[in-house]
Amino acid sequence: MLAFHDIDPKAPVHFLVISKRHIKNIMECGAEDGVLLGKLLLKAEELARELGCEEGGARFVINCKDDGGQTVDHLHIHVLGGRRLGWPPG
């Protein structure tokens, strides 16, 4: 997996965690991808803590397909934090 800061951040903390193995979106995952998905989520949580989100929390987002706001056809998790986030997001 890889992790890097978002090029167009929407919060003081905004990074992505992605799989090196290509999976187009979360709806293309099967039972065989459970371990990989768990590892991605655990890494996202670990990095959120390292970047100062432990006390205030963070938002973990997986966009899927056009209606879900996915703009890159490769499964990735957005992690946003460092400020209070509103709902709905927009």
N, C-alpha and C. Protein backbone atom coordinates (compact mmCIF):
# COMPACT_ATOMS: atom_id res chain seq x y z
N MET A 1 0.83 -1.18 0.00
CA MET A 1 0.00 0.00 0.00
C MET A 1 0.87 1.24 0.00
N LEU A 2 0.27 2.34 -0.36
CA LEU A 2 0.93 3.65 -0.36
C LEU A 2 0.03 4.64 0.37
N ALA A 3 0.63 5.66 0.93
CA ALA A 3 -0.12 6.75 1.56
C ALA A 3 0.56 8.06 1.18
N PHE A 4 -0.27 9.05 0.91
CA PHE A 4 0.28 10.37 0.56
C PHE A 4 -0.78 11.43 0.80
N HIS A 5 -0.32 12.68 0.95
CA HIS A 5 -1.22 13.80 1.17
C HIS A 5 -2.01 14.08 -0.11
N ASP A 6 -3.28 14.48 0.05
CA ASP A 6 -4.12 14.83 -1.08
C ASP A 6 -3.59 16.10 -1.74
N ILE A 7 -3.62 16.15 -3.06
CA ILE A 7 -3.10 17.33 -3.77
C ILE A 7 -4.05 18.52 -3.68
N ASP A 8 -5.30 18.29 -3.28
CA ASP A 8 -6.29 19.36 -3.12
C ASP A 8 -6.99 19.16 -1.78
N PRO A 9 -6.26 19.41 -0.66
CA PRO A 9 -6.80 19.07 0.66
C PRO A 9 -8.07 19.85 1.01
N LYS A 10 -8.99 19.15 1.66
CA LYS A 10 -10.25 19.74 2.12
C LYS A 10 -10.28 19.93 3.63
N ALA A 11 -9.18 19.62 4.29
CA ALA A 11 -9.05 19.78 5.74
C ALA A 11 -7.56 19.90 6.05
N PRO A 12 -7.21 20.39 7.24
CA PRO A 12 -5.79 20.48 7.59
C PRO A 12 -5.05 19.15 7.46
N VAL A 13 -5.71 18.07 7.80
CA VAL A 13 -5.18 16.72 7.55
C VAL A 13 -6.03 16.11 6.46
N HIS A 14 -5.44 15.75 5.35
CA HIS A 14 -6.18 15.08 4.26
C HIS A 14 -5.17 14.26 3.47
N PHE A 15 -5.26 12.94 3.66
CA PHE A 15 -4.35 12.05 2.95
C PHE A 15 -5.12 10.86 2.40
N LEU A 16 -4.46 10.13 1.52
CA LEU A 16 -5.04 8.95 0.89
C LEU A 16 -4.22 7.73 1.26
N VAL A 17 -4.90 6.60 1.38
CA VAL A 17 -4.25 5.30 1.53
C VAL A 17 -4.77 4.44 0.40
N ILE A 18 -3.84 3.89 -0.40
CA ILE A 18 -4.25 3.11 -1.57
C ILE A 18 -3.53 1.76 -1.60
N SER A 19 -4.17 0.84 -2.26
CA SER A 19 -3.59 -0.48 -2.48
C SER A 19 -2.66 -0.42 -3.68
N LYS A 20 -1.54 -1.12 -3.62
CA LYS A 20 -0.69 -1.23 -4.80
C LYS A 20 -1.32 -2.13 -5.84
N ARG A 21 -2.16 -3.07 -5.39
CA ARG A 21 -2.88 -3.94 -6.33
C ARG A 21 -4.09 -3.17 -6.84
N HIS A 22 -4.28 -3.18 -8.14
CA HIS A 22 -5.38 -2.42 -8.72
C HIS A 22 -6.72 -3.08 -8.42
N ILE A 23 -7.57 -2.31 -7.76
CA ILE A 23 -8.98 -2.63 -7.58
C ILE A 23 -9.70 -1.36 -7.98
N LYS A 24 -10.61 -1.45 -8.92
CA LYS A 24 -11.26 -0.26 -9.47
C LYS A 24 -12.05 0.51 -8.41
N ASN A 25 -12.85 -0.19 -7.60
CA ASN A 25 -13.63 0.45 -6.55
C ASN A 25 -14.06 -0.59 -5.53
N ILE A 26 -14.62 -0.15 -4.44
CA ILE A 26 -14.95 -1.07 -3.36
C ILE A 26 -16.03 -2.07 -3.75
N MET A 27 -16.87 -1.72 -4.73
CA MET A 27 -17.92 -2.64 -5.17
C MET A 27 -17.37 -3.78 -6.01
N GLU A 28 -16.09 -3.72 -6.35
CA GLU A 28 -15.46 -4.82 -7.08
C GLU A 28 -14.68 -5.75 -6.15
N CYS A 29 -14.74 -5.49 -4.85
CA CYS A 29 -14.06 -6.34 -3.88
C CYS A 29 -14.89 -7.59 -3.60
N GLY A 30 -14.19 -8.65 -3.29
CA GLY A 30 -14.84 -9.89 -2.89
C GLY A 30 -14.32 -10.32 -1.53
N ALA A 31 -14.82 -11.46 -1.08
CA ALA A 31 -14.40 -11.99 0.22
C ALA A 31 -12.88 -12.15 0.29
N GLU A 32 -12.26 -12.46 -0.82
CA GLU A 32 -10.80 -12.65 -0.86
C GLU A 32 -10.03 -11.36 -0.60
N ASP A 33 -10.71 -10.22 -0.65
CA ASP A 33 -10.06 -8.93 -0.43
C ASP A 33 -10.20 -8.44 1.02
N GLY A 34 -10.81 -9.24 1.87
CA GLY A 34 -11.06 -8.82 3.25
C GLY A 34 -9.80 -8.46 4.02
N VAL A 35 -8.75 -9.25 3.88
CA VAL A 35 -7.50 -8.97 4.59
C VAL A 35 -6.89 -7.66 4.10
N LEU A 36 -6.87 -7.48 2.79
CA LEU A 36 -6.33 -6.25 2.22
C LEU A 36 -7.11 -5.03 2.71
N LEU A 37 -8.43 -5.10 2.68
CA LEU A 37 -9.25 -3.98 3.13
C LEU A 37 -9.00 -3.66 4.60
N GLY A 38 -8.85 -4.70 5.41
CA GLY A 38 -8.54 -4.50 6.82
C GLY A 38 -7.21 -3.80 7.01
N LYS A 39 -6.22 -4.22 6.24
CA LYS A 39 -4.89 -3.59 6.34
C LYS A 39 -4.93 -2.12 5.92
N LEU A 40 -5.70 -1.81 4.88
CA LEU A 40 -5.82 -0.42 4.43
C LEU A 40 -6.45 0.44 5.53
N LEU A 41 -7.53 -0.06 6.13
CA LEU A 41 -8.20 0.70 7.19
C LEU A 41 -7.31 0.88 8.41
N LEU A 42 -6.61 -0.17 8.80
CA LEU A 42 -5.73 -0.07 9.96
C LEU A 42 -4.59 0.91 9.71
N LYS A 43 -4.03 0.92 8.50
CA LYS A 43 -2.98 1.88 8.18
C LYS A 43 -3.54 3.30 8.18
N ALA A 44 -4.74 3.49 7.65
CA ALA A 44 -5.37 4.81 7.65
C ALA A 44 -5.55 5.32 9.08
N GLU A 45 -5.99 4.45 9.97
CA GLU A 45 -6.19 4.82 11.37
C GLU A 45 -4.85 5.15 12.04
N GLU A 46 -3.85 4.35 11.79
CA GLU A 46 -2.51 4.58 12.36
C GLU A 46 -1.96 5.94 11.93
N LEU A 47 -2.07 6.24 10.65
CA LEU A 47 -1.55 7.51 10.14
C LEU A 47 -2.36 8.69 10.66
N ALA A 48 -3.67 8.54 10.80
CA ALA A 48 -4.50 9.61 11.35
C ALA A 48 -4.04 9.96 12.76
N ARG A 49 -3.73 8.94 13.56
CA ARG A 49 -3.21 9.19 14.91
C ARG A 49 -1.88 9.94 14.84
N GLU A 50 -0.97 9.46 13.96
CA GLU A 50 0.35 10.09 13.84
C GLU A 50 0.26 11.55 13.42
N LEU A 51 -0.77 11.88 12.65
CA LEU A 51 -0.93 13.25 12.14
C LEU A 51 -1.79 14.12 13.06
N GLY A 52 -2.05 13.63 14.27
CA GLY A 52 -2.69 14.46 15.28
C GLY A 52 -4.20 14.39 15.40
N CYS A 53 -4.81 13.38 14.82
CA CYS A 53 -6.28 13.28 14.84
C CYS A 53 -6.84 12.43 15.97
N GLU A 54 -5.98 11.90 16.83
CA GLU A 54 -6.47 10.98 17.86
C GLU A 54 -7.51 11.63 18.78
N GLU A 55 -7.24 12.82 19.27
CA GLU A 55 -8.15 13.45 20.22
C GLU A 55 -9.46 13.91 19.57
N GLY A 56 -9.36 14.63 18.46
CA GLY A 56 -10.55 15.19 17.83
C GLY A 56 -11.26 14.26 16.87
N GLY A 57 -10.57 13.24 16.38
CA GLY A 57 -11.17 12.30 15.44
C GLY A 57 -10.88 12.66 13.99
N ALA A 58 -11.42 11.86 13.11
CA ALA A 58 -11.19 12.03 11.68
C ALA A 58 -12.33 11.39 10.91
N ARG A 59 -12.41 11.69 9.65
CA ARG A 59 -13.40 11.08 8.76
C ARG A 59 -12.65 10.18 7.78
N PHE A 60 -13.15 8.95 7.63
CA PHE A 60 -12.58 7.97 6.71
C PHE A 60 -13.59 7.76 5.60
N VAL A 61 -13.20 8.04 4.35
CA VAL A 61 -14.15 8.05 3.23
C VAL A 61 -13.66 7.17 2.10
N ILE A 62 -14.57 6.35 1.56
CA ILE A 62 -14.30 5.60 0.34
C ILE A 62 -15.39 5.97 -0.65
N ASN A 63 -15.04 6.78 -1.65
CA ASN A 63 -15.99 7.14 -2.70
C ASN A 63 -16.06 5.99 -3.70
N CYS A 64 -17.24 5.79 -4.30
CA CYS A 64 -17.40 4.67 -5.22
C CYS A 64 -18.25 5.06 -6.42
N LYS A 65 -17.66 4.96 -7.60
CA LYS A 65 -18.30 5.23 -8.89
C LYS A 65 -18.72 6.70 -9.00
N ASP A 66 -19.31 7.06 -10.12
CA ASP A 66 -19.63 8.46 -10.40
C ASP A 66 -20.56 9.09 -9.37
N ASP A 67 -21.67 8.43 -9.07
CA ASP A 67 -22.64 9.01 -8.14
C ASP A 67 -22.09 9.10 -6.72
N GLY A 68 -21.10 8.29 -6.41
CA GLY A 68 -20.47 8.33 -5.08
C GLY A 68 -19.32 9.30 -5.00
N GLY A 69 -19.02 9.98 -6.10
CA GLY A 69 -17.96 10.99 -6.09
C GLY A 69 -16.57 10.48 -6.41
N GLN A 70 -16.46 9.24 -6.90
CA GLN A 70 -15.14 8.70 -7.23
C GLN A 70 -14.64 9.33 -8.52
N THR A 71 -13.45 9.93 -8.48
CA THR A 71 -12.88 10.57 -9.68
C THR A 71 -11.64 9.84 -10.20
N VAL A 72 -11.11 8.92 -9.40
CA VAL A 72 -9.96 8.12 -9.80
C VAL A 72 -10.37 6.66 -9.70
N ASP A 73 -10.26 5.91 -10.79
CA ASP A 73 -10.69 4.52 -10.81
C ASP A 73 -9.65 3.59 -10.19
N HIS A 74 -9.38 3.81 -8.93
CA HIS A 74 -8.49 2.94 -8.15
C HIS A 74 -8.92 3.11 -6.69
N LEU A 75 -9.24 2.01 -6.04
CA LEU A 75 -9.72 2.05 -4.66
C LEU A 75 -8.75 2.82 -3.77
N HIS A 76 -9.28 3.77 -3.02
CA HIS A 76 -8.47 4.52 -2.06
C HIS A 76 -9.36 5.04 -0.93
N ILE A 77 -8.73 5.26 0.20
CA ILE A 77 -9.41 5.80 1.37
C ILE A 77 -8.92 7.22 1.59
N HIS A 78 -9.86 8.16 1.68
CA HIS A 78 -9.53 9.52 2.08
C HIS A 78 -9.62 9.58 3.60
N VAL A 79 -8.68 10.24 4.24
CA VAL A 79 -8.75 10.51 5.67
C VAL A 79 -8.64 12.02 5.85
N LEU A 80 -9.66 12.59 6.51
CA LEU A 80 -9.71 14.03 6.74
C LEU A 80 -9.83 14.31 8.23
N GLY A 81 -9.12 15.30 8.70
CA GLY A 81 -9.18 15.66 10.11
C GLY A 81 -8.52 16.99 10.36
N GLY A 82 -8.34 17.31 11.63
CA GLY A 82 -7.70 18.56 11.99
C GLY A 82 -8.65 19.72 12.17
N ARG A 83 -9.95 19.47 11.95
CA ARG A 83 -10.99 20.48 12.19
C ARG A 83 -12.33 19.75 12.26
N ARG A 84 -13.34 20.44 12.77
CA ARG A 84 -14.68 19.86 12.81
C ARG A 84 -15.21 19.80 11.38
N LEU A 85 -15.71 18.63 11.00
CA LEU A 85 -16.24 18.43 9.65
C LEU A 85 -17.77 18.41 9.71
N GLY A 86 -18.41 19.12 8.80
CA GLY A 86 -19.87 19.18 8.78
C GLY A 86 -20.49 17.98 8.10
N TRP A 87 -21.80 17.84 8.28
CA TRP A 87 -22.57 16.80 7.60
C TRP A 87 -23.90 17.35 7.20
N PRO A 88 -24.39 17.12 5.99
CA PRO A 88 -23.72 16.32 4.96
C PRO A 88 -22.54 17.08 4.38
N PRO A 89 -21.62 16.33 3.76
CA PRO A 89 -20.39 16.97 3.28
C PRO A 89 -20.58 17.91 2.12
N GLY A 90 -21.67 17.82 1.36
CA GLY A 90 -21.87 18.78 0.29
C GLY A 90 -22.27 18.22 -1.01
